[in-house]
Amino acid sequence: MKTEDRKSAIADYKKRESVAGVFAIRCRATGEIWVGQALDLEKIQNRIWFTLRMGHHRNAELQRAWSAHGEDNISLETLERLEDEELAYVRDKLLKERVQHWRAELKASAV
């Protein structure tokens, strides 16, 4: 890749808007569900899967499920997207409320 093309690709990547929201991780083998929030839903799965593969995820139950049943039995899905909220404090408050709602609705644990 040429230097100019690379710089352009990096600039485009930095300009893209991230979408905050609420997600669920499900273990098909056990039926367990974990719900969390992310400021960038497109990146959260890579972050979580990396820590799980390394064996260092902060949620011991999720790490145990991953270790026992493997990556093929764990999935991540987006529950809700907050695309229009620009003010960080409003977005953060709304994310907390929506995470609590989904945890209660799904009888899920925190990620």
PDB file of N, CA and C in Angstrom:
ATOM      1  N   MET A   1       0.853  -1.178   0.000  1.00  0.00           N
ATOM      2  CA  MET A   1       0.000   0.000   0.000  1.00  0.00           C
ATOM      3  C   MET A   1       0.892   1.232   0.000  1.00  0.00           C
ATOM      4  N   LYS A   2       0.551   2.153  -0.870  1.00  0.00           N
ATOM      5  CA  LYS A   2       1.325   3.387  -0.965  1.00  0.00           C
ATOM      6  C   LYS A   2       1.099   4.243   0.275  1.00  0.00           C
ATOM      7  N   THR A   3       2.061   5.090   0.564  1.00  0.00           N
ATOM      8  CA  THR A   3       2.004   5.948   1.737  1.00  0.00           C
ATOM      9  C   THR A   3       0.768   6.843   1.715  1.00  0.00           C
ATOM     10  N   GLU A   4       0.451   7.412   0.569  1.00  0.00           N
ATOM     11  CA  GLU A   4      -0.710   8.291   0.470  1.00  0.00           C
ATOM     12  C   GLU A   4      -2.006   7.520   0.716  1.00  0.00           C
ATOM     13  N   ASP A   5      -2.083   6.318   0.147  1.00  0.00           N
ATOM     14  CA  ASP A   5      -3.264   5.478   0.347  1.00  0.00           C
ATOM     15  C   ASP A   5      -3.412   5.100   1.815  1.00  0.00           C
ATOM     16  N   ARG A   6      -2.298   4.792   2.440  1.00  0.00           N
ATOM     17  CA  ARG A   6      -2.309   4.411   3.848  1.00  0.00           C
ATOM     18  C   ARG A   6      -2.779   5.581   4.720  1.00  0.00           C
ATOM     19  N   LYS A   7      -2.242   6.754   4.464  1.00  0.00           N
ATOM     20  CA  LYS A   7      -2.645   7.945   5.225  1.00  0.00           C
ATOM     21  C   LYS A   7      -4.127   8.233   5.032  1.00  0.00           C
ATOM     22  N   SER A   8      -4.606   8.077   3.829  1.00  0.00           N
ATOM     23  CA  SER A   8      -6.019   8.309   3.541  1.00  0.00           C
ATOM     24  C   SER A   8      -6.906   7.294   4.271  1.00  0.00           C
ATOM     25  N   ALA A   9      -6.478   6.039   4.283  1.00  0.00           N
ATOM     26  CA  ALA A   9      -7.239   4.988   4.972  1.00  0.00           C
ATOM     27  C   ALA A   9      -7.289   5.255   6.472  1.00  0.00           C
ATOM     28  N   ILE A  10      -6.182   5.693   7.046  1.00  0.00           N
ATOM     29  CA  ILE A  10      -6.124   6.006   8.468  1.00  0.00           C
ATOM     30  C   ILE A  10      -7.039   7.193   8.789  1.00  0.00           C
ATOM     31  N   ALA A  11      -7.006   8.216   7.943  1.00  0.00           N
ATOM     32  CA  ALA A  11      -7.849   9.394   8.151  1.00  0.00           C
ATOM     33  C   ALA A  11      -9.328   9.016   8.066  1.00  0.00           C
ATOM     34  N   ASP A  12      -9.680   8.180   7.104  1.00  0.00           N
ATOM     35  CA  ASP A  12     -11.070   7.732   6.976  1.00  0.00           C
ATOM     36  C   ASP A  12     -11.505   6.947   8.202  1.00  0.00           C
ATOM     37  N   TYR A  13     -10.617   6.097   8.705  1.00  0.00           N
ATOM     38  CA  TYR A  13     -10.930   5.300   9.893  1.00  0.00           C
ATOM     39  C   TYR A  13     -11.175   6.201  11.099  1.00  0.00           C
ATOM     40  N   LYS A  14     -10.360   7.214  11.271  1.00  0.00           N
ATOM     41  CA  LYS A  14     -10.507   8.121  12.408  1.00  0.00           C
ATOM     42  C   LYS A  14     -11.772   8.967  12.309  1.00  0.00           C
ATOM     43  N   LYS A  15     -12.226   9.244  11.100  1.00  0.00           N
ATOM     44  CA  LYS A  15     -13.416  10.064  10.898  1.00  0.00           C
ATOM     45  C   LYS A  15     -14.708   9.298  11.135  1.00  0.00           C
ATOM     46  N   ARG A  16     -14.653   7.983  11.020  1.00  0.00           N
ATOM     47  CA  ARG A  16     -15.893   7.215  11.134  1.00  0.00           C
ATOM     48  C   ARG A  16     -16.486   7.383  12.523  1.00  0.00           C
ATOM     49  N   GLU A  17     -17.790   7.417  12.546  1.00  0.00           N
ATOM     50  CA  GLU A  17     -18.478   7.625  13.811  1.00  0.00           C
ATOM     51  C   GLU A  17     -18.697   6.295  14.518  1.00  0.00           C
ATOM     52  N   SER A  18     -18.433   6.291  15.794  1.00  0.00           N
ATOM     53  CA  SER A  18     -18.687   5.083  16.573  1.00  0.00           C
ATOM     54  C   SER A  18     -20.108   5.139  17.115  1.00  0.00           C
ATOM     55  N   VAL A  19     -20.696   3.973  17.249  1.00  0.00           N
ATOM     56  CA  VAL A  19     -22.067   3.872  17.738  1.00  0.00           C
ATOM     57  C   VAL A  19     -22.036   3.164  19.089  1.00  0.00           C
ATOM     58  N   ALA A  20     -22.523   3.849  20.115  1.00  0.00           N
ATOM     59  CA  ALA A  20     -22.593   3.269  21.451  1.00  0.00           C
ATOM     60  C   ALA A  20     -23.845   2.410  21.555  1.00  0.00           C
ATOM     61  N   GLY A  21     -23.827   1.490  22.518  1.00  0.00           N
ATOM     62  CA  GLY A  21     -25.014   0.678  22.704  1.00  0.00           C
ATOM     63  C   GLY A  21     -24.850  -0.410  23.745  1.00  0.00           C
ATOM     64  N   VAL A  22     -25.847  -1.288  23.751  1.00  0.00           N
ATOM     65  CA  VAL A  22     -25.923  -2.379  24.716  1.00  0.00           C
ATOM     66  C   VAL A  22     -25.811  -3.685  23.947  1.00  0.00           C
ATOM     67  N   PHE A  23     -25.058  -4.638  24.495  1.00  0.00           N
ATOM     68  CA  PHE A  23     -24.863  -5.919  23.826  1.00  0.00           C
ATOM     69  C   PHE A  23     -25.060  -7.058  24.817  1.00  0.00           C
ATOM     70  N   ALA A  24     -25.285  -8.244  24.261  1.00  0.00           N
ATOM     71  CA  ALA A  24     -25.413  -9.450  25.087  1.00  0.00           C
ATOM     72  C   ALA A  24     -24.445 -10.499  24.570  1.00  0.00           C
ATOM     73  N   ILE A  25     -23.852 -11.220  25.496  1.00  0.00           N
ATOM     74  CA  ILE A  25     -23.022 -12.377  25.160  1.00  0.00           C
ATOM     75  C   ILE A  25     -23.776 -13.594  25.664  1.00  0.00           C
ATOM     76  N   ARG A  26     -23.957 -14.558  24.789  1.00  0.00           N
ATOM     77  CA  ARG A  26     -24.728 -15.757  25.145  1.00  0.00           C
ATOM     78  C   ARG A  26     -23.862 -17.001  25.006  1.00  0.00           C
ATOM     79  N   CYS A  27     -24.053 -17.914  25.950  1.00  0.00           N
ATOM     80  CA  CYS A  27     -23.422 -19.232  25.877  1.00  0.00           C
ATOM     81  C   CYS A  27     -24.516 -20.215  25.480  1.00  0.00           C
ATOM     82  N   ARG A  28     -24.417 -20.765  24.283  1.00  0.00           N
ATOM     83  CA  ARG A  28     -25.441 -21.704  23.809  1.00  0.00           C
ATOM     84  C   ARG A  28     -25.464 -22.990  24.627  1.00  0.00           C
ATOM     85  N   ALA A  29     -24.322 -23.395  25.136  1.00  0.00           N
ATOM     86  CA  ALA A  29     -24.237 -24.657  25.873  1.00  0.00           C
ATOM     87  C   ALA A  29     -24.950 -24.596  27.219  1.00  0.00           C
ATOM     88  N   THR A  30     -24.869 -23.454  27.904  1.00  0.00           N
ATOM     89  CA  THR A  30     -25.431 -23.352  29.249  1.00  0.00           C
ATOM     90  C   THR A  30     -26.659 -22.455  29.330  1.00  0.00           C
ATOM     91  N   GLY A  31     -26.863 -21.624  28.314  1.00  0.00           N
ATOM     92  CA  GLY A  31     -27.973 -20.681  28.347  1.00  0.00           C
ATOM     93  C   GLY A  31     -27.668 -19.416  29.133  1.00  0.00           C
ATOM     94  N   GLU A  32     -26.452 -19.282  29.636  1.00  0.00           N
ATOM     95  CA  GLU A  32     -26.073 -18.087  30.399  1.00  0.00           C
ATOM     96  C   GLU A  32     -26.019 -16.870  29.472  1.00  0.00           C
ATOM     97  N   ILE A  33     -26.336 -15.708  30.035  1.00  0.00           N
ATOM     98  CA  ILE A  33     -26.315 -14.455  29.276  1.00  0.00           C
ATOM     99  C   ILE A  33     -25.623 -13.385  30.118  1.00  0.00           C
ATOM    100  N   TRP A  34     -24.773 -12.621  29.472  1.00  0.00           N
ATOM    101  CA  TRP A  34     -24.118 -11.483  30.097  1.00  0.00           C
ATOM    102  C   TRP A  34     -24.446 -10.250  29.266  1.00  0.00           C
ATOM    103  N   VAL A  35     -24.767  -9.150  29.916  1.00  0.00           N
ATOM    104  CA  VAL A  35     -25.130  -7.914  29.216  1.00  0.00           C
ATOM    105  C   VAL A  35     -24.147  -6.821  29.610  1.00  0.00           C
ATOM    106  N   GLY A  36     -23.722  -6.043  28.613  1.00  0.00           N
ATOM    107  CA  GLY A  36     -22.794  -4.948  28.866  1.00  0.00           C
ATOM    108  C   GLY A  36     -23.052  -3.790  27.927  1.00  0.00           C
ATOM    109  N   GLN A  37     -22.258  -2.759  28.087  1.00  0.00           N
ATOM    110  CA  GLN A  37     -22.369  -1.566  27.262  1.00  0.00           C
ATOM    111  C   GLN A  37     -21.033  -1.274  26.610  1.00  0.00           C
ATOM    112  N   ALA A  38     -21.091  -0.592  25.476  1.00  0.00           N
ATOM    113  CA  ALA A  38     -19.863  -0.235  24.768  1.00  0.00           C
ATOM    114  C   ALA A  38     -20.038   1.124  24.108  1.00  0.00           C
ATOM    115  N   LEU A  39     -18.969   1.879  24.070  1.00  0.00           N
ATOM    116  CA  LEU A  39     -18.998   3.160  23.375  1.00  0.00           C
ATOM    117  C   LEU A  39     -18.841   2.958  21.871  1.00  0.00           C
ATOM    118  N   ASP A  40     -18.316   1.796  21.467  1.00  0.00           N
ATOM    119  CA  ASP A  40     -18.173   1.471  20.050  1.00  0.00           C
ATOM    120  C   ASP A  40     -18.539  -0.002  19.859  1.00  0.00           C
ATOM    121  N   LEU A  41     -19.758  -0.243  19.425  1.00  0.00           N
ATOM    122  CA  LEU A  41     -20.248  -1.612  19.289  1.00  0.00           C
ATOM    123  C   LEU A  41     -19.480  -2.427  18.246  1.00  0.00           C
ATOM    124  N   GLU A  42     -18.900  -1.741  17.258  1.00  0.00           N
ATOM    125  CA  GLU A  42     -18.171  -2.460  16.223  1.00  0.00           C
ATOM    126  C   GLU A  42     -16.860  -3.062  16.742  1.00  0.00           C
ATOM    127  N   LYS A  43     -16.317  -2.515  17.794  1.00  0.00           N
ATOM    128  CA  LYS A  43     -15.020  -2.971  18.306  1.00  0.00           C
ATOM    129  C   LYS A  43     -15.120  -3.877  19.530  1.00  0.00           C
ATOM    130  N   ILE A  44     -16.258  -3.920  20.183  1.00  0.00           N
ATOM    131  CA  ILE A  44     -16.339  -4.583  21.482  1.00  0.00           C
ATOM    132  C   ILE A  44     -16.086  -6.084  21.407  1.00  0.00           C
ATOM    133  N   GLN A  45     -16.580  -6.744  20.359  1.00  0.00           N
ATOM    134  CA  GLN A  45     -16.378  -8.192  20.284  1.00  0.00           C
ATOM    135  C   GLN A  45     -14.900  -8.539  20.198  1.00  0.00           C
ATOM    136  N   ASN A  46     -14.136  -7.830  19.384  1.00  0.00           N
ATOM    137  CA  ASN A  46     -12.701  -8.101  19.279  1.00  0.00           C
ATOM    138  C   ASN A  46     -12.012  -7.934  20.627  1.00  0.00           C
ATOM    139  N   ARG A  47     -12.383  -6.899  21.357  1.00  0.00           N
ATOM    140  CA  ARG A  47     -11.776  -6.629  22.662  1.00  0.00           C
ATOM    141  C   ARG A  47     -12.076  -7.771  23.642  1.00  0.00           C
ATOM    142  N   ILE A  48     -13.342  -8.161  23.707  1.00  0.00           N
ATOM    143  CA  ILE A  48     -13.740  -9.209  24.653  1.00  0.00           C
ATOM    144  C   ILE A  48     -13.157 -10.555  24.254  1.00  0.00           C
ATOM    145  N   TRP A  49     -13.249 -10.902  22.968  1.00  0.00           N
ATOM    146  CA  TRP A  49     -12.721 -12.192  22.507  1.00  0.00           C
ATOM    147  C   TRP A  49     -11.212 -12.282  22.763  1.00  0.00           C
ATOM    148  N   PHE A  50     -10.501 -11.187  22.599  1.00  0.00           N
ATOM    149  CA  PHE A  50      -9.062 -11.191  22.866  1.00  0.00           C
ATOM    150  C   PHE A  50      -8.777 -11.555  24.322  1.00  0.00           C
ATOM    151  N   THR A  51      -9.474 -10.895  25.247  1.00  0.00           N
ATOM    152  CA  THR A  51      -9.214 -11.195  26.657  1.00  0.00           C
ATOM    153  C   THR A  51      -9.634 -12.612  27.016  1.00  0.00           C
ATOM    154  N   LEU A  52     -10.704 -13.105  26.393  1.00  0.00           N
ATOM    155  CA  LEU A  52     -11.131 -14.482  26.650  1.00  0.00           C
ATOM    156  C   LEU A  52     -10.105 -15.481  26.112  1.00  0.00           C
ATOM    157  N   ARG A  53      -9.596 -15.239  24.914  1.00  0.00           N
ATOM    158  CA  ARG A  53      -8.576 -16.138  24.341  1.00  0.00           C
ATOM    159  C   ARG A  53      -7.315 -16.167  25.193  1.00  0.00           C
ATOM    160  N   MET A  54      -6.979 -15.025  25.775  1.00  0.00           N
ATOM    161  CA  MET A  54      -5.788 -14.943  26.623  1.00  0.00           C
ATOM    162  C   MET A  54      -6.034 -15.545  28.005  1.00  0.00           C
ATOM    163  N   GLY A  55      -7.308 -15.785  28.332  1.00  0.00           N
ATOM    164  CA  GLY A  55      -7.648 -16.365  29.626  1.00  0.00           C
ATOM    165  C   GLY A  55      -7.675 -15.357  30.758  1.00  0.00           C
ATOM    166  N   HIS A  56      -7.838 -14.070  30.418  1.00  0.00           N
ATOM    167  CA  HIS A  56      -7.753 -13.018  31.434  1.00  0.00           C
ATOM    168  C   HIS A  56      -8.976 -12.117  31.485  1.00  0.00           C
ATOM    169  N   HIS A  57     -10.139 -12.625  31.113  1.00  0.00           N
ATOM    170  CA  HIS A  57     -11.319 -11.755  31.174  1.00  0.00           C
ATOM    171  C   HIS A  57     -11.678 -11.502  32.633  1.00  0.00           C
ATOM    172  N   ARG A  58     -12.125 -10.287  32.934  1.00  0.00           N
ATOM    173  CA  ARG A  58     -12.396  -9.908  34.328  1.00  0.00           C
ATOM    174  C   ARG A  58     -13.624 -10.603  34.900  1.00  0.00           C
ATOM    175  N   ASN A  59     -14.529 -11.101  34.045  1.00  0.00           N
ATOM    176  CA  ASN A  59     -15.703 -11.819  34.520  1.00  0.00           C
ATOM    177  C   ASN A  59     -15.370 -13.315  34.549  1.00  0.00           C
ATOM    178  N   ALA A  60     -15.199 -13.852  35.745  1.00  0.00           N
ATOM    179  CA  ALA A  60     -14.762 -15.246  35.903  1.00  0.00           C
ATOM    180  C   ALA A  60     -15.780 -16.236  35.335  1.00  0.00           C
ATOM    181  N   GLU A  61     -17.081 -15.944  35.470  1.00  0.00           N
ATOM    182  CA  GLU A  61     -18.111 -16.856  34.941  1.00  0.00           C
ATOM    183  C   GLU A  61     -18.046 -16.925  33.423  1.00  0.00           C
ATOM    184  N   LEU A  62     -17.895 -15.793  32.787  1.00  0.00           N
ATOM    185  CA  LEU A  62     -17.780 -15.756  31.334  1.00  0.00           C
ATOM    186  C   LEU A  62     -16.514 -16.484  30.886  1.00  0.00           C
ATOM    187  N   GLN A  63     -15.416 -16.252  31.576  1.00  0.00           N
ATOM    188  CA  GLN A  63     -14.164 -16.921  31.233  1.00  0.00           C
ATOM    189  C   GLN A  63     -14.300 -18.440  31.391  1.00  0.00           C
ATOM    190  N   ARG A  64     -14.968 -18.887  32.449  1.00  0.00           N
ATOM    191  CA  ARG A  64     -15.186 -20.328  32.645  1.00  0.00           C
ATOM    192  C   ARG A  64     -16.025 -20.919  31.521  1.00  0.00           C
ATOM    193  N   ALA A  65     -17.081 -20.208  31.114  1.00  0.00           N
ATOM    194  CA  ALA A  65     -17.937 -20.686  30.025  1.00  0.00           C
ATOM    195  C   ALA A  65     -17.141 -20.780  28.728  1.00  0.00           C
ATOM    196  N   TRP A  66     -16.323 -19.788  28.464  1.00  0.00           N
ATOM    197  CA  TRP A  66     -15.481 -19.777  27.265  1.00  0.00           C
ATOM    198  C   TRP A  66     -14.502 -20.950  27.295  1.00  0.00           C
ATOM    199  N   SER A  67     -13.850 -21.137  28.418  1.00  0.00           N
ATOM    200  CA  SER A  67     -12.857 -22.207  28.539  1.00  0.00           C
ATOM    201  C   SER A  67     -13.494 -23.586  28.445  1.00  0.00           C
ATOM    202  N   ALA A  68     -14.674 -23.750  29.028  1.00  0.00           N
ATOM    203  CA  ALA A  68     -15.341 -25.050  29.050  1.00  0.00           C
ATOM    204  C   ALA A  68     -16.011 -25.393  27.725  1.00  0.00           C
ATOM    205  N   HIS A  69     -16.615 -24.402  27.065  1.00  0.00           N
ATOM    206  CA  HIS A  69     -17.439 -24.700  25.894  1.00  0.00           C
ATOM    207  C   HIS A  69     -16.872 -24.176  24.580  1.00  0.00           C
ATOM    208  N   GLY A  70     -15.878 -23.320  24.643  1.00  0.00           N
ATOM    209  CA  GLY A  70     -15.206 -22.850  23.443  1.00  0.00           C
ATOM    210  C   GLY A  70     -15.898 -21.697  22.733  1.00  0.00           C
ATOM    211  N   GLU A  71     -15.149 -21.109  21.847  1.00  0.00           N
ATOM    212  CA  GLU A  71     -15.595 -19.933  21.101  1.00  0.00           C
ATOM    213  C   GLU A  71     -16.845 -20.218  20.261  1.00  0.00           C
ATOM    214  N   ASP A  72     -16.979 -21.426  19.753  1.00  0.00           N
ATOM    215  CA  ASP A  72     -18.120 -21.764  18.899  1.00  0.00           C
ATOM    216  C   ASP A  72     -19.452 -21.705  19.638  1.00  0.00           C
ATOM    217  N   ASN A  73     -19.441 -21.814  20.952  1.00  0.00           N
ATOM    218  CA  ASN A  73     -20.674 -21.783  21.735  1.00  0.00           C
ATOM    219  C   ASN A  73     -20.949 -20.435  22.379  1.00  0.00           C
ATOM    220  N   ILE A  74     -20.122 -19.442  22.100  1.00  0.00           N
ATOM    221  CA  ILE A  74     -20.291 -18.109  22.660  1.00  0.00           C
ATOM    222  C   ILE A  74     -20.578 -17.152  21.511  1.00  0.00           C
ATOM    223  N   SER A  75     -21.601 -16.314  21.677  1.00  0.00           N
ATOM    224  CA  SER A  75     -21.935 -15.352  20.625  1.00  0.00           C
ATOM    225  C   SER A  75     -22.224 -13.991  21.244  1.00  0.00           C
ATOM    226  N   LEU A  76     -22.026 -12.961  20.448  1.00  0.00           N
ATOM    227  CA  LEU A  76     -22.299 -11.592  20.874  1.00  0.00           C
ATOM    228  C   LEU A  76     -23.351 -11.011  19.945  1.00  0.00           C
ATOM    229  N   GLU A  77     -24.349 -10.367  20.510  1.00  0.00           N
ATOM    230  CA  GLU A  77     -25.377  -9.714  19.704  1.00  0.00           C
ATOM    231  C   GLU A  77     -25.632  -8.304  20.237  1.00  0.00           C
ATOM    232  N   THR A  78     -25.965  -7.415  19.346  1.00  0.00           N
ATOM    233  CA  THR A  78     -26.324  -6.053  19.714  1.00  0.00           C
ATOM    234  C   THR A  78     -27.783  -6.034  20.130  1.00  0.00           C
ATOM    235  N   LEU A  79     -28.055  -5.501  21.295  1.00  0.00           N
ATOM    236  CA  LEU A  79     -29.429  -5.387  21.776  1.00  0.00           C
ATOM    237  C   LEU A  79     -30.028  -4.032  21.454  1.00  0.00           C
ATOM    238  N   GLU A  80     -29.195  -3.006  21.526  1.00  0.00           N
ATOM    239  CA  GLU A  80     -29.703  -1.648  21.341  1.00  0.00           C
ATOM    240  C   GLU A  80     -28.566  -0.733  20.918  1.00  0.00           C
ATOM    241  N   ARG A  81     -28.853   0.156  19.979  1.00  0.00           N
ATOM    242  CA  ARG A  81     -27.873   1.128  19.489  1.00  0.00           C
ATOM    243  C   ARG A  81     -28.311   2.533  19.881  1.00  0.00           C
ATOM    244  N   LEU A  82     -27.352   3.367  20.296  1.00  0.00           N
ATOM    245  CA  LEU A  82     -27.624   4.770  20.639  1.00  0.00           C
ATOM    246  C   LEU A  82     -26.859   5.647  19.647  1.00  0.00           C
ATOM    247  N   GLU A  83     -27.396   5.801  18.476  1.00  0.00           N
ATOM    248  CA  GLU A  83     -26.674   6.485  17.399  1.00  0.00           C
ATOM    249  C   GLU A  83     -26.744   8.001  17.463  1.00  0.00           C
ATOM    250  N   ASP A  84     -27.813   8.542  18.011  1.00  0.00           N
ATOM    251  CA  ASP A  84     -28.039   9.976  17.899  1.00  0.00           C
ATOM    252  C   ASP A  84     -27.540  10.808  19.075  1.00  0.00           C
ATOM    253  N   GLU A  85     -27.067  10.175  20.118  1.00  0.00           N
ATOM    254  CA  GLU A  85     -26.705  10.930  21.325  1.00  0.00           C
ATOM    255  C   GLU A  85     -25.285  11.466  21.227  1.00  0.00           C
ATOM    256  N   GLU A  86     -25.147  12.785  21.224  1.00  0.00           N
ATOM    257  CA  GLU A  86     -23.839  13.417  21.092  1.00  0.00           C
ATOM    258  C   GLU A  86     -23.230  13.830  22.425  1.00  0.00           C
ATOM    259  N   LEU A  87     -24.050  14.176  23.402  1.00  0.00           N
ATOM    260  CA  LEU A  87     -23.527  14.611  24.692  1.00  0.00           C
ATOM    261  C   LEU A  87     -23.111  13.397  25.515  1.00  0.00           C
ATOM    262  N   ALA A  88     -21.866  13.368  25.917  1.00  0.00           N
ATOM    263  CA  ALA A  88     -21.315  12.197  26.594  1.00  0.00           C
ATOM    264  C   ALA A  88     -22.041  11.868  27.889  1.00  0.00           C
ATOM    265  N   TYR A  89     -22.345  12.865  28.701  1.00  0.00           N
ATOM    266  CA  TYR A  89     -22.986  12.564  29.988  1.00  0.00           C
ATOM    267  C   TYR A  89     -24.402  12.028  29.799  1.00  0.00           C
ATOM    268  N   VAL A  90     -25.115  12.513  28.791  1.00  0.00           N
ATOM    269  CA  VAL A  90     -26.462  12.005  28.505  1.00  0.00           C
ATOM    270  C   VAL A  90     -26.359  10.579  27.982  1.00  0.00           C
ATOM    271  N   ARG A  91     -25.418  10.345  27.069  1.00  0.00           N
ATOM    272  CA  ARG A  91     -25.201   9.015  26.513  1.00  0.00           C
ATOM    273  C   ARG A  91     -24.851   8.020  27.609  1.00  0.00           C
ATOM    274  N   ASP A  92     -23.953   8.397  28.504  1.00  0.00           N
ATOM    275  CA  ASP A  92     -23.522   7.491  29.569  1.00  0.00           C
ATOM    276  C   ASP A  92     -24.671   7.145  30.514  1.00  0.00           C
ATOM    277  N   LYS A  93     -25.481   8.130  30.855  1.00  0.00           N
ATOM    278  CA  LYS A  93     -26.631   7.886  31.723  1.00  0.00           C
ATOM    279  C   LYS A  93     -27.636   6.972  31.045  1.00  0.00           C
ATOM    280  N   LEU A  94     -27.894   7.226  29.778  1.00  0.00           N
ATOM    281  CA  LEU A  94     -28.825   6.402  29.016  1.00  0.00           C
ATOM    282  C   LEU A  94     -28.307   4.969  28.880  1.00  0.00           C
ATOM    283  N   LEU A  95     -27.013   4.815  28.648  1.00  0.00           N
ATOM    284  CA  LEU A  95     -26.426   3.474  28.560  1.00  0.00           C
ATOM    285  C   LEU A  95     -26.616   2.699  29.860  1.00  0.00           C
ATOM    286  N   LYS A  96     -26.366   3.357  30.999  1.00  0.00           N
ATOM    287  CA  LYS A  96     -26.547   2.692  32.298  1.00  0.00           C
ATOM    288  C   LYS A  96     -27.982   2.230  32.488  1.00  0.00           C
ATOM    289  N   GLU A  97     -28.920   3.106  32.136  1.00  0.00           N
ATOM    290  CA  GLU A  97     -30.337   2.755  32.285  1.00  0.00           C
ATOM    291  C   GLU A  97     -30.715   1.579  31.390  1.00  0.00           C
ATOM    292  N   ARG A  98     -30.260   1.614  30.144  1.00  0.00           N
ATOM    293  CA  ARG A  98     -30.614   0.560  29.200  1.00  0.00           C
ATOM    294  C   ARG A  98     -29.946  -0.773  29.561  1.00  0.00           C
ATOM    295  N   VAL A  99     -28.732  -0.735  30.090  1.00  0.00           N
ATOM    296  CA  VAL A  99     -28.069  -1.963  30.531  1.00  0.00           C
ATOM    297  C   VAL A  99     -28.857  -2.593  31.672  1.00  0.00           C
ATOM    298  N   GLN A 100     -29.276  -1.777  32.631  1.00  0.00           N
ATOM    299  CA  GLN A 100     -30.073  -2.300  33.743  1.00  0.00           C
ATOM    300  C   GLN A 100     -31.379  -2.915  33.243  1.00  0.00           C
ATOM    301  N   HIS A 101     -32.012  -2.244  32.288  1.00  0.00           N
ATOM    302  CA  HIS A 101     -33.250  -2.779  31.703  1.00  0.00           C
ATOM    303  C   HIS A 101     -33.011  -4.144  31.080  1.00  0.00           C
ATOM    304  N   TRP A 102     -31.983  -4.268  30.253  1.00  0.00           N
ATOM    305  CA  TRP A 102     -31.719  -5.530  29.550  1.00  0.00           C
ATOM    306  C   TRP A 102     -31.274  -6.628  30.495  1.00  0.00           C
ATOM    307  N   ARG A 103     -30.519  -6.289  31.525  1.00  0.00           N
ATOM    308  CA  ARG A 103     -30.124  -7.315  32.502  1.00  0.00           C
ATOM    309  C   ARG A 103     -31.347  -7.879  33.211  1.00  0.00           C
ATOM    310  N   ALA A 104     -32.272  -7.001  33.574  1.00  0.00           N
ATOM    311  CA  ALA A 104     -33.502  -7.456  34.230  1.00  0.00           C
ATOM    312  C   ALA A 104     -34.362  -8.253  33.256  1.00  0.00           C
ATOM    313  N   GLU A 105     -34.489  -7.762  32.047  1.00  0.00           N
ATOM    314  CA  GLU A 105     -35.327  -8.410  31.028  1.00  0.00           C
ATOM    315  C   GLU A 105     -34.834  -9.819  30.696  1.00  0.00           C
ATOM    316  N   LEU A 106     -33.509  -9.965  30.564  1.00  0.00           N
ATOM    317  CA  LEU A 106     -32.924 -11.237  30.165  1.00  0.00           C
ATOM    318  C   LEU A 106     -32.451 -12.088  31.361  1.00  0.00           C
ATOM    319  N   LYS A 107     -32.603 -11.536  32.570  1.00  0.00           N
ATOM    320  CA  LYS A 107     -32.086 -12.198  33.774  1.00  0.00           C
ATOM    321  C   LYS A 107     -30.607 -12.544  33.572  1.00  0.00           C
ATOM    322  N   ALA A 108     -29.864 -11.514  33.164  1.00  0.00           N
ATOM    323  CA  ALA A 108     -28.464 -11.677  32.791  1.00  0.00           C
ATOM    324  C   ALA A 108     -27.528 -11.097  33.825  1.00  0.00           C
ATOM    325  N   SER A 109     -26.270 -11.513  33.740  1.00  0.00           N
ATOM    326  CA  SER A 109     -25.206 -10.994  34.597  1.00  0.00           C
ATOM    327  C   SER A 109     -24.484  -9.864  33.877  1.00  0.00           C
ATOM    328  N   ALA A 110     -23.646  -9.160  34.598  1.00  0.00           N
ATOM    329  CA  ALA A 110     -22.808  -8.117  34.001  1.00  0.00           C
ATOM    330  C   ALA A 110     -21.631  -8.761  33.292  1.00  0.00           C
ATOM    331  N   VAL A 111     -21.168  -8.100  32.232  1.00  0.00           N
ATOM    332  CA  VAL A 111     -19.993  -8.591  31.496  1.00  0.00           C
ATOM    333  C   VAL A 111     -18.766  -8.273  32.282  1.00  0.00           C
TER     334      VAL A 111
END
